[in-house]
């Protein structure tokens, strides 16, 4: 990573404060320095002596010839002087006047107080940033908390998925309330590696009416215009959605068949993401150019109801196959 180090020194203002400290800490440890206070000894931070409105966290990162093993950062926030200072402006004005006379005694003294504050700020950020605790410190408690945020708080749930760690990237989706069709689409599309995924909501299905809720004269369900329904079924548009995939090539289509890994994987993803017990099915659009007519004995084109066609060219650009969720 020598290129990153050179870029830090050349374009320090393009980095956030936390990222700059993080990268410099890596370099310091790589140089053989160890210990909890090594960052405080090797990285000096001071505020910018200016009343200009700051545009970035950092003004510059540099090394001095007299102290080549130390890094010096000029920051634009959290200082006792400068534009973000909580003290009256005249303190900064006095320091500016002193600097114009090529003196810095007062500023150097105030920096004795300033520098530890920046390091405390960084320590606080790293303590409560779970992603940092996992990536940098490898803290087991950070990993456990992230799993809990995701809904994978127990080993039994994690065993449902292969390599559960890869789902940590979806914590943002898993913590959204309410759950959305777009969130489910993004989750399925990214997990199975197919960008052409869509979710159709409110699929109408005939749903059985429980026996105790059907129309019985003198008993219940007989109020016209309110709860009276003839028959044992009712059209329901709130309990099912459809996952659309495609148009896909023949190879991608085979992977989404019910005996493939991806079909069951979609079901587990839907169960994980949804907070309602919704039914679903999968409709796959297959490119006609990849369709082969049925040939008995050939597994890739002879499974009735899944991938069987009597002719390879029916004049359509694509053909659709609808697969029901396994009961």
Protein backbone atom coordinates (compact mmCIF):
# COMPACT_ATOMS: atom_id res chain seq x y z
CA UNK A 1 0.00 0.00 0.00
CA UNK A 2 2.82 2.54 -0.53
CA UNK A 3 0.63 4.40 -3.01
CA UNK A 4 -2.01 5.09 -0.36
CA UNK A 5 0.58 6.41 2.07
CA UNK A 6 1.96 8.82 -0.51
CA UNK A 7 -1.56 9.92 -1.38
CA UNK A 8 -2.29 10.59 2.29
CA UNK A 9 0.65 12.95 2.52
CA UNK A 10 -0.05 14.58 -0.84
CA UNK A 11 -3.85 14.87 -0.67
CA UNK A 12 -4.69 14.62 3.01
CA UNK A 13 -7.70 16.92 2.67
CA UNK A 14 -9.48 14.35 0.49
CA UNK A 15 -9.67 11.89 3.41
CA UNK A 16 -12.04 11.93 6.35
CA UNK A 17 -10.42 12.30 9.77
CA UNK A 18 -11.34 8.80 10.92
CA UNK A 19 -10.11 7.15 7.73
CA UNK A 20 -6.82 9.06 7.85
CA UNK A 21 -6.15 8.02 11.46
CA UNK A 22 -7.10 4.44 10.63
CA UNK A 23 -4.71 4.24 7.68
CA UNK A 24 -1.86 5.94 9.52
CA UNK A 25 -2.31 3.52 12.43
CA UNK A 26 -1.89 0.61 10.01
CA UNK A 27 1.37 2.07 8.71
CA UNK A 28 2.68 2.77 12.20
CA UNK A 29 2.01 -0.81 13.33
CA UNK A 30 3.55 -2.11 10.10
CA UNK A 31 6.72 -0.19 10.96
CA UNK A 32 7.05 -2.24 14.15
CA UNK A 33 5.58 0.13 16.74
CA UNK A 34 3.24 -1.51 19.25
CA UNK A 35 1.28 -0.43 22.31
CA UNK A 36 -2.02 1.27 23.09
CA UNK A 37 -0.49 4.75 23.22
CA UNK A 38 1.50 4.42 19.99
CA UNK A 39 -1.07 6.42 18.04
CA UNK A 40 -0.93 9.25 20.56
CA UNK A 41 2.87 9.32 20.39
CA UNK A 42 3.23 8.97 16.62
CA UNK A 43 0.27 11.04 15.37
CA UNK A 44 -0.07 14.66 16.40
CA UNK A 45 -3.30 16.49 15.60
CA UNK A 46 -3.90 20.22 15.89
CA UNK A 47 -6.70 22.52 14.68
CA UNK A 48 -6.31 24.82 11.72
CA UNK A 49 -5.48 28.35 12.75
CA UNK A 50 -8.07 30.10 10.61
CA UNK A 51 -11.55 31.59 10.73
CA UNK A 52 -12.46 30.33 7.26
CA UNK A 53 -15.44 28.02 6.94
CA UNK A 54 -13.99 24.46 6.74
CA UNK A 55 -14.70 22.43 3.63
CA UNK A 56 -13.14 19.14 4.78
CA UNK A 57 -12.18 17.36 8.01
CA UNK A 58 -8.47 17.70 7.30
CA UNK A 59 -6.37 20.51 5.85
CA UNK A 60 -3.10 18.60 5.53
CA UNK A 61 -1.08 15.57 6.65
CA UNK A 62 2.69 15.89 6.73
CA UNK A 63 5.94 14.73 8.32
CA UNK A 64 8.72 16.92 9.67
CA UNK A 65 12.33 16.40 8.78
CA UNK A 66 13.34 16.59 12.44
CA UNK A 67 10.78 13.91 13.42
CA UNK A 68 10.44 11.57 10.42
CA UNK A 69 8.72 8.84 12.45
CA UNK A 70 5.76 11.08 13.37
CA UNK A 71 2.75 12.26 11.39
CA UNK A 72 1.18 15.68 11.84
CA UNK A 73 -2.47 16.34 10.97
CA UNK A 74 -4.11 19.74 10.72
CA UNK A 75 -7.85 19.32 11.32
CA UNK A 76 -10.77 21.72 10.96
CA UNK A 77 -12.97 20.65 13.86
CA UNK A 78 -12.97 19.96 17.59
CA UNK A 79 -10.31 22.56 18.48
CA UNK A 80 -10.04 25.28 21.10
CA UNK A 81 -9.26 27.76 18.35
CA UNK A 82 -10.33 28.09 14.75
CA UNK A 83 -13.72 28.36 13.07
CA UNK A 84 -15.27 25.55 15.16
CA UNK A 85 -13.89 26.68 18.53
CA UNK A 86 -16.41 27.01 21.39
CA UNK A 87 -14.33 29.90 22.77
CA UNK A 88 -14.83 33.55 21.80
CA UNK A 89 -13.38 34.56 18.45
CA UNK A 90 -10.80 36.93 19.91
CA UNK A 91 -8.76 33.96 21.18
CA UNK A 92 -8.24 32.80 17.60
CA UNK A 93 -7.58 36.38 16.50
CA UNK A 94 -4.83 36.69 19.14
CA UNK A 95 -3.23 33.48 17.88
CA UNK A 96 -3.40 34.74 14.29
CA UNK A 97 -1.69 37.95 15.34
CA UNK A 98 0.98 35.95 17.14
CA UNK A 99 1.50 33.77 14.05
CA UNK A 100 1.95 36.88 11.90
CA UNK A 101 4.93 37.72 14.12
CA UNK A 102 6.39 34.22 13.52
CA UNK A 103 5.62 33.12 17.06
CA UNK A 104 3.56 30.11 18.22
CA UNK A 105 4.13 29.80 21.96
CA UNK A 106 0.46 30.27 22.88
CA UNK A 107 -0.75 27.96 20.14
CA UNK A 108 1.75 25.26 21.11
CA UNK A 109 0.54 25.43 24.70
CA UNK A 110 -3.14 25.12 23.71
CA UNK A 111 -2.25 22.18 21.46
CA UNK A 112 -1.15 20.26 24.56
CA UNK A 113 -4.87 20.22 25.42
CA UNK A 114 -6.11 19.87 21.85
CA UNK A 115 -4.20 16.79 20.75
CA UNK A 116 -5.55 14.29 23.33
CA UNK A 117 -9.12 15.36 22.51
CA UNK A 118 -8.73 14.18 18.91
CA UNK A 119 -7.42 10.81 20.01
CA UNK A 120 -10.30 10.42 22.47
CA UNK A 121 -12.70 11.26 19.65
CA UNK A 122 -11.21 8.49 17.53
CA UNK A 123 -11.30 5.98 20.40
CA UNK A 124 -14.97 6.76 21.04
CA UNK A 125 -15.76 6.30 17.37
CA UNK A 126 -14.00 2.94 17.18
CA UNK A 127 -15.58 1.68 20.39
CA UNK A 128 -19.16 2.11 19.20
CA UNK A 129 -18.69 1.44 15.48
CA UNK A 130 -19.54 -2.23 15.05
CA UNK A 131 -18.23 -2.48 11.50
CA UNK A 132 -14.86 -1.13 12.59
CA UNK A 133 -14.77 -3.45 15.60
CA UNK A 134 -15.32 -6.39 13.29
CA UNK A 135 -12.98 -5.42 10.45
CA UNK A 136 -10.11 -3.99 12.48
CA UNK A 137 -10.23 -5.42 15.99
CA UNK A 138 -11.87 -8.77 15.17
CA UNK A 139 -14.01 -8.43 18.29
CA UNK A 140 -16.32 -11.38 18.86
CA UNK A 141 -18.86 -9.19 20.67
CA UNK A 142 -19.06 -6.87 17.65
CA UNK A 143 -19.77 -9.81 15.34
CA UNK A 144 -22.45 -11.11 17.71
CA UNK A 145 -24.19 -7.72 17.83
CA UNK A 146 -24.18 -7.44 14.06
CA UNK A 147 -25.71 -10.90 13.79
CA UNK A 148 -28.42 -9.86 16.25
CA UNK A 149 -29.19 -6.74 14.20
CA UNK A 150 -29.51 -8.95 11.15
CA UNK A 151 -31.82 -11.42 12.90
CA UNK A 152 -29.20 -14.17 13.06
CA UNK A 153 -28.86 -14.06 16.83
CA UNK A 154 -28.78 -17.83 17.38
CA UNK A 155 -26.68 -20.60 15.88
CA UNK A 156 -29.82 -22.43 14.76
CA UNK A 157 -30.85 -19.52 12.54
CA UNK A 158 -27.34 -19.11 11.12
CA UNK A 159 -27.20 -22.78 10.16
CA UNK A 160 -30.15 -22.14 7.82
CA UNK A 161 -27.80 -20.33 5.44
CA UNK A 162 -24.45 -21.31 4.04
CA UNK A 163 -21.77 -18.76 5.01
CA UNK A 164 -24.02 -16.53 7.16
CA UNK A 165 -21.27 -13.91 7.42
CA UNK A 166 -21.94 -12.75 3.87
CA UNK A 167 -25.41 -11.57 4.94
CA UNK A 168 -23.98 -8.91 7.25
CA UNK A 169 -23.96 -6.55 4.27
CA UNK A 170 -27.78 -6.66 4.28
CA UNK A 171 -28.26 -5.32 7.81
CA UNK A 172 -29.61 -2.07 6.35
CA UNK A 173 -32.35 -3.97 4.52
CA UNK A 174 -33.11 -6.25 7.46
CA UNK A 175 -33.67 -3.33 9.85
CA UNK A 176 -36.08 -1.43 7.59
CA UNK A 177 -39.66 -1.16 8.80
CA UNK A 178 -41.94 -1.77 7.03
CA UNK A 179 -40.41 -4.40 4.77
CA UNK A 180 -40.76 -3.47 1.11
CA UNK A 181 -40.95 -5.25 -2.24
CA UNK A 182 -37.94 -3.25 -3.40
CA UNK A 183 -35.94 -4.43 -0.40
CA UNK A 184 -36.80 -8.06 -1.14
CA UNK A 185 -35.97 -7.55 -4.84
CA UNK A 186 -32.56 -6.09 -3.99
CA UNK A 187 -31.83 -8.92 -1.54
CA UNK A 188 -32.75 -11.72 -3.95
CA UNK A 189 -31.05 -10.09 -6.94
CA UNK A 190 -27.76 -9.59 -5.11
CA UNK A 191 -27.73 -12.99 -3.40
CA UNK A 192 -28.36 -15.10 -6.50
CA UNK A 193 -26.40 -12.83 -8.82
CA UNK A 194 -29.24 -12.07 -11.24
CA UNK A 195 -29.92 -8.36 -11.87
CA UNK A 196 -33.17 -9.01 -13.79
CA UNK A 197 -35.35 -9.69 -10.73
CA UNK A 198 -38.68 -8.00 -10.05
CA UNK A 199 -41.43 -8.41 -7.45
CA UNK A 200 -45.12 -8.33 -8.38
CA UNK A 201 -47.32 -7.64 -5.38
CA UNK A 202 -50.96 -8.43 -4.58
CA UNK A 203 -51.35 -11.59 -6.68
CA UNK A 204 -55.06 -12.65 -6.56
CA UNK A 205 -55.68 -16.17 -5.23
CA UNK A 206 -58.77 -18.06 -4.12
CA UNK A 207 -58.49 -18.56 -0.38
CA UNK A 208 -60.58 -20.95 1.67
CA UNK A 209 -62.87 -19.37 4.24
CA UNK A 210 -62.57 -21.08 7.64
CA UNK A 211 -65.65 -23.17 8.37
CA UNK A 212 -66.63 -21.16 11.43
CA UNK A 213 -66.58 -17.92 9.39
CA UNK A 214 -68.73 -19.04 6.46
CA UNK A 215 -72.31 -17.94 5.87
CA UNK A 216 -74.73 -19.76 8.15
CA UNK A 217 -78.24 -18.35 8.43
CA UNK A 218 -79.04 -17.52 11.99
CA UNK A 219 -75.49 -18.28 13.10
CA UNK A 220 -73.02 -15.84 11.50
CA UNK A 221 -71.60 -14.39 8.32
CA UNK A 222 -75.04 -13.45 7.01
CA UNK A 223 -75.01 -9.63 7.13
CA UNK A 224 -75.43 -8.48 3.52
CA UNK A 225 -72.82 -5.95 2.41
CA UNK A 226 -70.56 -6.66 5.38
CA UNK A 227 -69.56 -10.26 6.00
CA UNK A 228 -71.87 -12.37 3.84
CA UNK A 229 -70.02 -14.46 1.22
CA UNK A 230 -71.48 -17.27 -0.86
CA UNK A 231 -69.34 -20.36 -1.07
CA UNK A 232 -66.28 -21.63 0.73
CA UNK A 233 -63.66 -19.50 -1.07
CA UNK A 234 -62.98 -15.78 -1.46
CA UNK A 235 -60.67 -13.85 -3.79
CA UNK A 236 -57.71 -12.59 -1.74
CA UNK A 237 -55.15 -10.09 -3.07
CA UNK A 238 -53.17 -9.59 0.13
CA UNK A 239 -51.49 -12.91 0.76
CA UNK A 240 -49.25 -13.64 -2.22
CA UNK A 241 -46.50 -12.09 -4.32
CA UNK A 242 -44.64 -13.23 -7.41
CA UNK A 243 -40.91 -13.15 -8.08
CA UNK A 244 -40.14 -12.45 -11.74
CA UNK A 245 -36.75 -13.45 -13.13
CA UNK A 246 -35.49 -12.84 -16.63
CA UNK A 247 -35.29 -12.95 -19.47
CA UNK A 248 -32.59 -15.51 -18.69
CA UNK A 249 -30.31 -17.74 -20.69
CA UNK A 250 -30.86 -21.47 -20.67
CA UNK A 251 -28.01 -22.01 -18.21
CA UNK A 252 -29.33 -19.45 -15.72
CA UNK A 253 -32.83 -20.88 -16.11
CA UNK A 254 -31.68 -24.37 -15.10
CA UNK A 255 -30.22 -23.01 -11.86
CA UNK A 256 -33.60 -21.59 -10.81
CA UNK A 257 -35.56 -24.82 -11.21
CA UNK A 258 -37.02 -26.33 -8.00
CA UNK A 259 -34.34 -29.02 -7.79
CA UNK A 260 -31.59 -26.40 -7.97
CA UNK A 261 -29.95 -24.51 -5.16
CA UNK A 262 -31.22 -21.07 -6.16
CA UNK A 263 -34.95 -21.89 -5.95
CA UNK A 264 -34.76 -23.07 -2.35
CA UNK A 265 -32.40 -20.21 -1.58
CA UNK A 266 -35.00 -17.69 -2.78
CA UNK A 267 -37.52 -19.29 -0.43
CA UNK A 268 -35.17 -19.00 2.54
CA UNK A 269 -34.41 -15.37 1.66
CA UNK A 270 -38.12 -14.56 1.48
CA UNK A 271 -38.75 -16.26 4.83
CA UNK A 272 -35.85 -14.37 6.38
CA UNK A 273 -36.82 -10.95 5.02
CA UNK A 274 -40.62 -10.96 5.30
CA UNK A 275 -42.36 -10.19 8.57
CA UNK A 276 -45.68 -11.55 7.26
CA UNK A 277 -46.49 -15.18 6.30
CA UNK A 278 -46.97 -14.48 2.58
CA UNK A 279 -47.19 -17.10 -0.15
CA UNK A 280 -45.12 -16.70 -3.31
CA UNK A 281 -44.24 -18.24 -6.64
CA UNK A 282 -41.50 -17.75 -9.21
CA UNK A 283 -42.04 -16.84 -12.85
CA UNK A 284 -39.02 -17.20 -15.12
CA UNK A 285 -38.75 -15.69 -18.58
CA UNK A 286 -36.50 -17.81 -20.80
CA UNK A 287 -35.04 -16.60 -24.06
CA UNK A 288 -36.57 -18.54 -26.95
CA UNK A 289 -33.15 -18.83 -28.54
CA UNK A 290 -32.06 -21.01 -25.59
CA UNK A 291 -35.12 -23.28 -25.59
CA UNK A 292 -34.66 -26.83 -26.85
CA UNK A 293 -37.56 -29.11 -27.80
CA UNK A 294 -38.32 -32.01 -25.49
CA UNK A 295 -36.09 -35.04 -25.84
CA UNK A 296 -36.93 -38.10 -23.77
CA UNK A 297 -34.12 -39.16 -21.53
CA UNK A 298 -32.31 -35.82 -21.57
CA UNK A 299 -32.54 -34.24 -18.15
CA UNK A 300 -32.03 -30.64 -19.24
CA UNK A 301 -35.19 -30.54 -21.37
CA UNK A 302 -37.48 -33.39 -20.28
CA UNK A 303 -38.88 -32.47 -16.86
CA UNK A 304 -42.59 -32.01 -17.41
CA UNK A 305 -43.92 -28.68 -16.21
CA UNK A 306 -40.46 -27.24 -15.76
CA UNK A 307 -38.43 -27.23 -18.94
CA UNK A 308 -40.36 -29.12 -21.61
CA UNK A 309 -41.33 -27.49 -24.92
CA UNK A 310 -42.70 -29.24 -28.02
CA UNK A 311 -40.94 -26.76 -30.31
CA UNK A 312 -37.94 -24.51 -29.87
CA UNK A 313 -39.34 -21.58 -31.88
CA UNK A 314 -42.91 -20.42 -31.40
CA UNK A 315 -42.45 -16.90 -32.70
CA UNK A 316 -41.93 -15.29 -29.28
CA UNK A 317 -38.81 -13.57 -27.97
CA UNK A 318 -39.18 -15.32 -24.63
CA UNK A 319 -41.27 -17.97 -22.88
CA UNK A 320 -42.49 -17.98 -19.30
CA UNK A 321 -42.38 -20.76 -16.74
CA UNK A 322 -44.22 -20.43 -13.43
CA UNK A 323 -42.96 -22.46 -10.49
CA UNK A 324 -44.87 -22.81 -7.24
CA UNK A 325 -43.26 -22.66 -3.84
CA UNK A 326 -42.78 -26.09 -2.33
CA UNK A 327 -45.43 -26.93 0.26
